[in-house]
Amino acid sequence: MKPIGYWLNRTDKALTTAMNSVLAEFGLTRLAWQVLNVVGDDPQATDTDVLTVLAANADATALTDAIGTAVADGWAARPEPGRLTLTDDGRARLAEVAERVDAFRELSTAGITREEYRIAVTVLERMTHNLEDGAER
């Protein structure tokens, strides 16, 4: 049996590759999709909010680039410096993308029960806390 780190890395790579493929027709990547979700979830979102929420997903440079692309491509706008909001067009386009993402999620969890998924996430969360809390000691 391969160790958990192997499967974590391989799963993340598979998720990113497959999701990037699904999102390509919309001009998005997995990271850009994550940025747009943070912005969509908080109408007062700031660049700092995006960087904080997604810090585990990518470094600041990649996140800043994804924010810039979301604005340049019309998904998001800056109502004032440092703030982000979805454009009306971006919100409408995201609803269309959400349908594809739902299908992607079904594919990625095929053969996995809700309980198995919940247990997997709970175990990974606990491992993360163990390691992060242990590093603080």
N, C-alpha and C. Protein backbone atom coordinates (compact mmCIF):
# COMPACT_ATOMS: atom_id res chain seq x y z
N MET A 1 0.85 -1.18 0.00
CA MET A 1 0.00 0.00 0.00
C MET A 1 0.89 1.24 0.00
N LYS A 2 0.59 2.15 -0.90
CA LYS A 2 1.33 3.41 -0.95
C LYS A 2 0.91 4.29 0.23
N PRO A 3 1.82 5.15 0.70
CA PRO A 3 1.48 6.02 1.84
C PRO A 3 0.49 7.12 1.44
N ILE A 4 -0.11 7.73 2.45
CA ILE A 4 -1.15 8.73 2.20
C ILE A 4 -0.62 9.93 1.42
N GLY A 5 0.63 10.34 1.65
CA GLY A 5 1.18 11.47 0.91
C GLY A 5 1.19 11.23 -0.59
N TYR A 6 1.50 10.01 -0.97
CA TYR A 6 1.49 9.65 -2.39
C TYR A 6 0.09 9.88 -2.96
N TRP A 7 -0.93 9.35 -2.26
CA TRP A 7 -2.30 9.45 -2.77
C TRP A 7 -2.83 10.87 -2.69
N LEU A 8 -2.42 11.64 -1.69
CA LEU A 8 -2.83 13.04 -1.62
C LEU A 8 -2.30 13.81 -2.83
N ASN A 9 -1.02 13.65 -3.11
CA ASN A 9 -0.41 14.35 -4.25
C ASN A 9 -1.02 13.90 -5.57
N ARG A 10 -1.20 12.61 -5.72
CA ARG A 10 -1.74 12.09 -6.97
C ARG A 10 -3.20 12.51 -7.15
N THR A 11 -3.97 12.49 -6.08
CA THR A 11 -5.37 12.91 -6.15
C THR A 11 -5.48 14.39 -6.49
N ASP A 12 -4.67 15.22 -5.84
CA ASP A 12 -4.71 16.66 -6.12
C ASP A 12 -4.34 16.92 -7.58
N LYS A 13 -3.32 16.25 -8.07
CA LYS A 13 -2.92 16.42 -9.47
C LYS A 13 -4.04 15.97 -10.41
N ALA A 14 -4.66 14.82 -10.10
CA ALA A 14 -5.76 14.32 -10.94
C ALA A 14 -6.95 15.27 -10.91
N LEU A 15 -7.29 15.78 -9.73
CA LEU A 15 -8.39 16.73 -9.62
C LEU A 15 -8.10 17.99 -10.44
N THR A 16 -6.89 18.51 -10.30
CA THR A 16 -6.53 19.73 -11.02
C THR A 16 -6.55 19.52 -12.52
N THR A 17 -5.94 18.45 -12.98
CA THR A 17 -5.88 18.17 -14.42
C THR A 17 -7.28 17.99 -15.00
N ALA A 18 -8.09 17.18 -14.33
CA ALA A 18 -9.45 16.91 -14.83
C ALA A 18 -10.33 18.15 -14.76
N MET A 19 -10.23 18.89 -13.67
CA MET A 19 -11.07 20.07 -13.54
C MET A 19 -10.63 21.16 -14.52
N ASN A 20 -9.33 21.31 -14.72
CA ASN A 20 -8.86 22.28 -15.71
C ASN A 20 -9.40 21.93 -17.09
N SER A 21 -9.48 20.65 -17.39
CA SER A 21 -10.01 20.22 -18.67
C SER A 21 -11.50 20.57 -18.80
N VAL A 22 -12.26 20.33 -17.74
CA VAL A 22 -13.68 20.65 -17.73
C VAL A 22 -13.90 22.16 -17.86
N LEU A 23 -13.07 22.94 -17.21
CA LEU A 23 -13.25 24.39 -17.16
C LEU A 23 -12.64 25.14 -18.35
N ALA A 24 -11.81 24.46 -19.13
CA ALA A 24 -11.09 25.12 -20.22
C ALA A 24 -12.02 25.81 -21.21
N GLU A 25 -13.14 25.19 -21.52
CA GLU A 25 -14.05 25.80 -22.50
C GLU A 25 -14.63 27.13 -22.01
N PHE A 26 -14.54 27.37 -20.70
CA PHE A 26 -15.02 28.62 -20.13
C PHE A 26 -13.88 29.62 -19.90
N GLY A 27 -12.66 29.19 -20.25
CA GLY A 27 -11.50 30.05 -20.04
C GLY A 27 -11.07 30.10 -18.59
N LEU A 28 -11.41 29.07 -17.84
CA LEU A 28 -11.08 29.02 -16.41
C LEU A 28 -10.13 27.87 -16.10
N THR A 29 -9.52 27.98 -14.93
CA THR A 29 -8.75 26.89 -14.34
C THR A 29 -9.39 26.57 -12.99
N ARG A 30 -8.94 25.51 -12.37
CA ARG A 30 -9.43 25.15 -11.04
C ARG A 30 -9.18 26.31 -10.07
N LEU A 31 -8.01 26.91 -10.14
CA LEU A 31 -7.68 28.00 -9.23
C LEU A 31 -8.57 29.22 -9.49
N ALA A 32 -8.78 29.56 -10.75
CA ALA A 32 -9.66 30.68 -11.07
C ALA A 32 -11.08 30.42 -10.59
N TRP A 33 -11.53 29.19 -10.74
CA TRP A 33 -12.87 28.80 -10.25
C TRP A 33 -12.94 29.00 -8.74
N GLN A 34 -11.90 28.61 -8.02
CA GLN A 34 -11.87 28.79 -6.57
C GLN A 34 -11.90 30.27 -6.20
N VAL A 35 -11.14 31.09 -6.92
CA VAL A 35 -11.14 32.53 -6.68
C VAL A 35 -12.56 33.09 -6.88
N LEU A 36 -13.20 32.72 -7.98
CA LEU A 36 -14.54 33.23 -8.27
C LEU A 36 -15.55 32.79 -7.21
N ASN A 37 -15.37 31.61 -6.65
CA ASN A 37 -16.27 31.16 -5.59
C ASN A 37 -16.08 31.98 -4.32
N VAL A 38 -14.85 32.32 -3.98
CA VAL A 38 -14.62 33.17 -2.80
C VAL A 38 -15.28 34.52 -3.02
N VAL A 39 -15.08 35.10 -4.20
CA VAL A 39 -15.67 36.41 -4.52
C VAL A 39 -17.20 36.32 -4.53
N GLY A 40 -17.73 35.26 -5.10
CA GLY A 40 -19.18 35.09 -5.17
C GLY A 40 -19.82 34.87 -3.81
N ASP A 41 -19.08 34.26 -2.89
CA ASP A 41 -19.62 33.98 -1.56
C ASP A 41 -19.63 35.21 -0.66
N ASP A 42 -18.83 36.22 -1.00
CA ASP A 42 -18.72 37.40 -0.15
C ASP A 42 -18.78 38.66 -1.01
N PRO A 43 -19.92 39.37 -0.99
CA PRO A 43 -20.05 40.57 -1.82
C PRO A 43 -19.08 41.69 -1.41
N GLN A 44 -18.45 41.56 -0.27
CA GLN A 44 -17.47 42.55 0.20
C GLN A 44 -16.05 42.01 0.10
N ALA A 45 -15.83 40.98 -0.71
CA ALA A 45 -14.53 40.30 -0.79
C ALA A 45 -13.42 41.28 -1.19
N THR A 46 -12.27 41.03 -0.60
CA THR A 46 -11.07 41.80 -0.94
C THR A 46 -10.02 40.84 -1.47
N ASP A 47 -8.99 41.41 -2.08
CA ASP A 47 -7.87 40.58 -2.52
C ASP A 47 -7.30 39.80 -1.34
N THR A 48 -7.19 40.46 -0.20
CA THR A 48 -6.65 39.81 1.01
C THR A 48 -7.52 38.63 1.42
N ASP A 49 -8.84 38.77 1.32
CA ASP A 49 -9.75 37.66 1.64
C ASP A 49 -9.45 36.46 0.75
N VAL A 50 -9.31 36.71 -0.54
CA VAL A 50 -9.03 35.63 -1.48
C VAL A 50 -7.70 34.97 -1.14
N LEU A 51 -6.68 35.77 -0.89
CA LEU A 51 -5.36 35.22 -0.56
C LEU A 51 -5.41 34.40 0.73
N THR A 52 -6.18 34.86 1.70
CA THR A 52 -6.27 34.16 2.98
C THR A 52 -7.04 32.85 2.85
N VAL A 53 -8.21 32.92 2.24
CA VAL A 53 -9.07 31.73 2.12
C VAL A 53 -8.40 30.64 1.29
N LEU A 54 -7.68 31.04 0.25
CA LEU A 54 -7.10 30.06 -0.67
C LEU A 54 -5.59 29.84 -0.46
N ALA A 55 -5.07 30.28 0.67
CA ALA A 55 -3.62 30.17 0.93
C ALA A 55 -3.12 28.73 0.82
N ALA A 56 -3.94 27.76 1.19
CA ALA A 56 -3.52 26.36 1.11
C ALA A 56 -3.56 25.83 -0.32
N ASN A 57 -4.22 26.55 -1.22
CA ASN A 57 -4.41 26.07 -2.58
C ASN A 57 -3.32 26.52 -3.55
N ALA A 58 -2.72 27.68 -3.26
CA ALA A 58 -1.71 28.23 -4.17
C ALA A 58 -0.96 29.35 -3.47
N ASP A 59 0.18 29.71 -4.03
CA ASP A 59 0.94 30.82 -3.44
C ASP A 59 0.32 32.15 -3.86
N ALA A 60 0.78 33.21 -3.22
CA ALA A 60 0.21 34.54 -3.45
C ALA A 60 0.34 34.99 -4.91
N THR A 61 1.44 34.65 -5.54
CA THR A 61 1.63 35.06 -6.94
C THR A 61 0.59 34.41 -7.85
N ALA A 62 0.39 33.11 -7.70
CA ALA A 62 -0.59 32.39 -8.53
C ALA A 62 -2.00 32.92 -8.26
N LEU A 63 -2.31 33.19 -7.00
CA LEU A 63 -3.64 33.71 -6.66
C LEU A 63 -3.84 35.12 -7.22
N THR A 64 -2.82 35.94 -7.10
CA THR A 64 -2.91 37.31 -7.64
C THR A 64 -3.09 37.26 -9.16
N ASP A 65 -2.39 36.36 -9.83
CA ASP A 65 -2.56 36.20 -11.28
C ASP A 65 -3.98 35.75 -11.61
N ALA A 66 -4.52 34.81 -10.82
CA ALA A 66 -5.89 34.32 -11.06
C ALA A 66 -6.90 35.43 -10.84
N ILE A 67 -6.69 36.27 -9.84
CA ILE A 67 -7.58 37.42 -9.61
C ILE A 67 -7.51 38.35 -10.81
N GLY A 68 -6.31 38.66 -11.27
CA GLY A 68 -6.14 39.54 -12.42
C GLY A 68 -6.82 39.02 -13.66
N THR A 69 -6.71 37.71 -13.88
CA THR A 69 -7.36 37.10 -15.04
C THR A 69 -8.88 37.17 -14.91
N ALA A 70 -9.40 36.92 -13.71
CA ALA A 70 -10.86 36.99 -13.50
C ALA A 70 -11.38 38.39 -13.80
N VAL A 71 -10.63 39.40 -13.43
CA VAL A 71 -11.04 40.78 -13.71
C VAL A 71 -10.89 41.08 -15.20
N ALA A 72 -9.75 40.72 -15.77
CA ALA A 72 -9.49 41.00 -17.19
C ALA A 72 -10.50 40.30 -18.11
N ASP A 73 -10.94 39.11 -17.71
CA ASP A 73 -11.88 38.34 -18.54
C ASP A 73 -13.33 38.68 -18.27
N GLY A 74 -13.59 39.65 -17.40
CA GLY A 74 -14.95 40.10 -17.15
C GLY A 74 -15.77 39.29 -16.18
N TRP A 75 -15.16 38.34 -15.50
CA TRP A 75 -15.87 37.55 -14.48
C TRP A 75 -16.10 38.38 -13.23
N ALA A 76 -15.11 39.19 -12.90
CA ALA A 76 -15.16 40.00 -11.68
C ALA A 76 -14.77 41.43 -12.02
N ALA A 77 -15.12 42.32 -11.10
CA ALA A 77 -14.79 43.74 -11.26
C ALA A 77 -14.30 44.28 -9.93
N ARG A 78 -13.75 45.47 -9.99
CA ARG A 78 -13.26 46.15 -8.79
C ARG A 78 -14.13 47.38 -8.53
N PRO A 79 -15.11 47.27 -7.63
CA PRO A 79 -15.94 48.43 -7.32
C PRO A 79 -15.15 49.54 -6.64
N GLU A 80 -14.05 49.15 -6.02
CA GLU A 80 -13.10 50.10 -5.42
C GLU A 80 -11.77 49.37 -5.28
N PRO A 81 -10.68 50.10 -5.13
CA PRO A 81 -9.36 49.44 -5.04
C PRO A 81 -9.33 48.38 -3.93
N GLY A 82 -8.78 47.21 -4.30
CA GLY A 82 -8.63 46.13 -3.33
C GLY A 82 -9.87 45.30 -3.10
N ARG A 83 -11.01 45.70 -3.66
CA ARG A 83 -12.25 44.93 -3.50
C ARG A 83 -12.61 44.25 -4.80
N LEU A 84 -13.32 43.14 -4.66
CA LEU A 84 -13.74 42.35 -5.82
C LEU A 84 -15.22 42.02 -5.73
N THR A 85 -15.85 41.98 -6.87
CA THR A 85 -17.23 41.54 -6.94
C THR A 85 -17.44 40.85 -8.28
N LEU A 86 -18.35 39.91 -8.32
CA LEU A 86 -18.68 39.29 -9.60
C LEU A 86 -19.45 40.29 -10.44
N THR A 87 -19.20 40.27 -11.73
CA THR A 87 -20.01 41.07 -12.65
C THR A 87 -21.32 40.32 -12.88
N ASP A 88 -22.31 41.01 -13.41
CA ASP A 88 -23.57 40.33 -13.74
C ASP A 88 -23.30 39.20 -14.74
N ASP A 89 -22.46 39.48 -15.74
CA ASP A 89 -22.11 38.47 -16.72
C ASP A 89 -21.35 37.32 -16.06
N GLY A 90 -20.45 37.65 -15.17
CA GLY A 90 -19.69 36.62 -14.45
C GLY A 90 -20.59 35.72 -13.63
N ARG A 91 -21.56 36.32 -12.96
CA ARG A 91 -22.50 35.55 -12.15
C ARG A 91 -23.31 34.60 -13.04
N ALA A 92 -23.77 35.09 -14.18
CA ALA A 92 -24.56 34.26 -15.11
C ALA A 92 -23.69 33.14 -15.68
N ARG A 93 -22.46 33.46 -16.06
CA ARG A 93 -21.55 32.45 -16.60
C ARG A 93 -21.20 31.41 -15.54
N LEU A 94 -21.06 31.84 -14.30
CA LEU A 94 -20.73 30.89 -13.23
C LEU A 94 -21.85 29.89 -13.00
N ALA A 95 -23.08 30.32 -13.17
CA ALA A 95 -24.21 29.38 -13.03
C ALA A 95 -24.10 28.27 -14.08
N GLU A 96 -23.69 28.63 -15.28
CA GLU A 96 -23.50 27.63 -16.34
C GLU A 96 -22.33 26.70 -15.99
N VAL A 97 -21.25 27.28 -15.50
CA VAL A 97 -20.08 26.50 -15.12
C VAL A 97 -20.43 25.54 -13.98
N ALA A 98 -21.27 25.99 -13.05
CA ALA A 98 -21.63 25.18 -11.89
C ALA A 98 -22.25 23.84 -12.31
N GLU A 99 -22.99 23.84 -13.40
CA GLU A 99 -23.58 22.59 -13.89
C GLU A 99 -22.48 21.60 -14.27
N ARG A 100 -21.46 22.08 -14.93
CA ARG A 100 -20.34 21.21 -15.33
C ARG A 100 -19.57 20.74 -14.10
N VAL A 101 -19.38 21.63 -13.14
CA VAL A 101 -18.65 21.27 -11.93
C VAL A 101 -19.42 20.22 -11.13
N ASP A 102 -20.74 20.34 -11.09
CA ASP A 102 -21.55 19.32 -10.41
C ASP A 102 -21.35 17.95 -11.05
N ALA A 103 -21.34 17.91 -12.38
CA ALA A 103 -21.12 16.65 -13.09
C ALA A 103 -19.71 16.13 -12.80
N PHE A 104 -18.74 17.02 -12.75
CA PHE A 104 -17.36 16.65 -12.42
C PHE A 104 -17.29 16.04 -11.02
N ARG A 105 -17.97 16.65 -10.08
CA ARG A 105 -17.97 16.14 -8.70
C ARG A 105 -18.60 14.74 -8.64
N GLU A 106 -19.66 14.53 -9.39
CA GLU A 106 -20.28 13.21 -9.44
C GLU A 106 -19.30 12.17 -9.97
N LEU A 107 -18.58 12.53 -11.04
CA LEU A 107 -17.59 11.62 -11.61
C LEU A 107 -16.48 11.33 -10.60
N SER A 108 -15.99 12.36 -9.95
CA SER A 108 -14.85 12.17 -9.04
C SER A 108 -15.21 11.39 -7.79
N THR A 109 -16.48 11.33 -7.45
CA THR A 109 -16.89 10.58 -6.25
C THR A 109 -17.69 9.32 -6.58
N ALA A 110 -17.65 8.90 -7.84
CA ALA A 110 -18.37 7.68 -8.24
C ALA A 110 -17.89 6.50 -7.40
N GLY A 111 -18.83 5.74 -6.89
CA GLY A 111 -18.50 4.55 -6.10
C GLY A 111 -18.12 4.86 -4.67
N ILE A 112 -18.22 6.10 -4.27
CA ILE A 112 -17.88 6.52 -2.90
C ILE A 112 -19.17 6.96 -2.22
N THR A 113 -19.48 6.36 -1.09
CA THR A 113 -20.69 6.76 -0.38
C THR A 113 -20.47 8.10 0.31
N ARG A 114 -21.57 8.74 0.67
CA ARG A 114 -21.46 10.02 1.41
C ARG A 114 -20.70 9.81 2.71
N GLU A 115 -20.94 8.69 3.35
CA GLU A 115 -20.25 8.39 4.62
C GLU A 115 -18.76 8.20 4.39
N GLU A 116 -18.39 7.49 3.34
CA GLU A 116 -16.96 7.32 3.03
C GLU A 116 -16.30 8.66 2.74
N TYR A 117 -16.99 9.49 2.00
CA TYR A 117 -16.46 10.82 1.67
C TYR A 117 -16.29 11.63 2.95
N ARG A 118 -17.32 11.63 3.80
CA ARG A 118 -17.26 12.36 5.07
C ARG A 118 -16.10 11.88 5.93
N ILE A 119 -15.91 10.57 6.01
CA ILE A 119 -14.82 10.01 6.80
C ILE A 119 -13.47 10.43 6.23
N ALA A 120 -13.32 10.34 4.92
CA ALA A 120 -12.05 10.72 4.29
C ALA A 120 -11.71 12.18 4.59
N VAL A 121 -12.68 13.07 4.45
CA VAL A 121 -12.44 14.48 4.72
C VAL A 121 -12.13 14.70 6.19
N THR A 122 -12.85 14.03 7.07
CA THR A 122 -12.63 14.17 8.51
C THR A 122 -11.23 13.71 8.89
N VAL A 123 -10.79 12.59 8.36
CA VAL A 123 -9.45 12.08 8.65
C VAL A 123 -8.38 13.05 8.15
N LEU A 124 -8.53 13.53 6.94
CA LEU A 124 -7.54 14.49 6.40
C LEU A 124 -7.52 15.78 7.22
N GLU A 125 -8.68 16.24 7.62
CA GLU A 125 -8.75 17.44 8.45
C GLU A 125 -8.04 17.21 9.79
N ARG A 126 -8.28 16.07 10.39
CA ARG A 126 -7.64 15.75 11.68
C ARG A 126 -6.12 15.64 11.53
N MET A 127 -5.67 15.00 10.46
CA MET A 127 -4.22 14.89 10.22
C MET A 127 -3.60 16.28 10.06
N THR A 128 -4.28 17.14 9.32
CA THR A 128 -3.78 18.50 9.12
C THR A 128 -3.66 19.23 10.45
N HIS A 129 -4.71 19.15 11.26
CA HIS A 129 -4.66 19.81 12.57
C HIS A 129 -3.56 19.22 13.46
N ASN A 130 -3.41 17.92 13.43
CA ASN A 130 -2.34 17.28 14.22
C ASN A 130 -0.98 17.86 13.85
N LEU A 131 -0.74 17.96 12.55
CA LEU A 131 0.57 18.42 12.08
C LEU A 131 0.75 19.92 12.30
N GLU A 132 -0.29 20.70 12.02
CA GLU A 132 -0.17 22.14 12.22
C GLU A 132 -0.06 22.49 13.70
N ASP A 133 -0.88 21.85 14.53
CA ASP A 133 -0.82 22.10 15.97
C ASP A 133 0.50 21.60 16.54
N GLY A 134 0.98 20.46 16.02
CA GLY A 134 2.26 19.90 16.49
C GLY A 134 3.43 20.80 16.14
N ALA A 135 3.37 21.44 14.99
CA ALA A 135 4.44 22.35 14.56
C ALA A 135 4.51 23.59 15.43
N GLU A 136 3.37 23.97 16.04
CA GLU A 136 3.33 25.16 16.89
C GLU A 136 3.93 24.89 18.27
N ARG A 137 4.06 23.62 18.63
CA ARG A 137 4.58 23.28 19.96
C ARG A 137 6.07 23.39 20.01
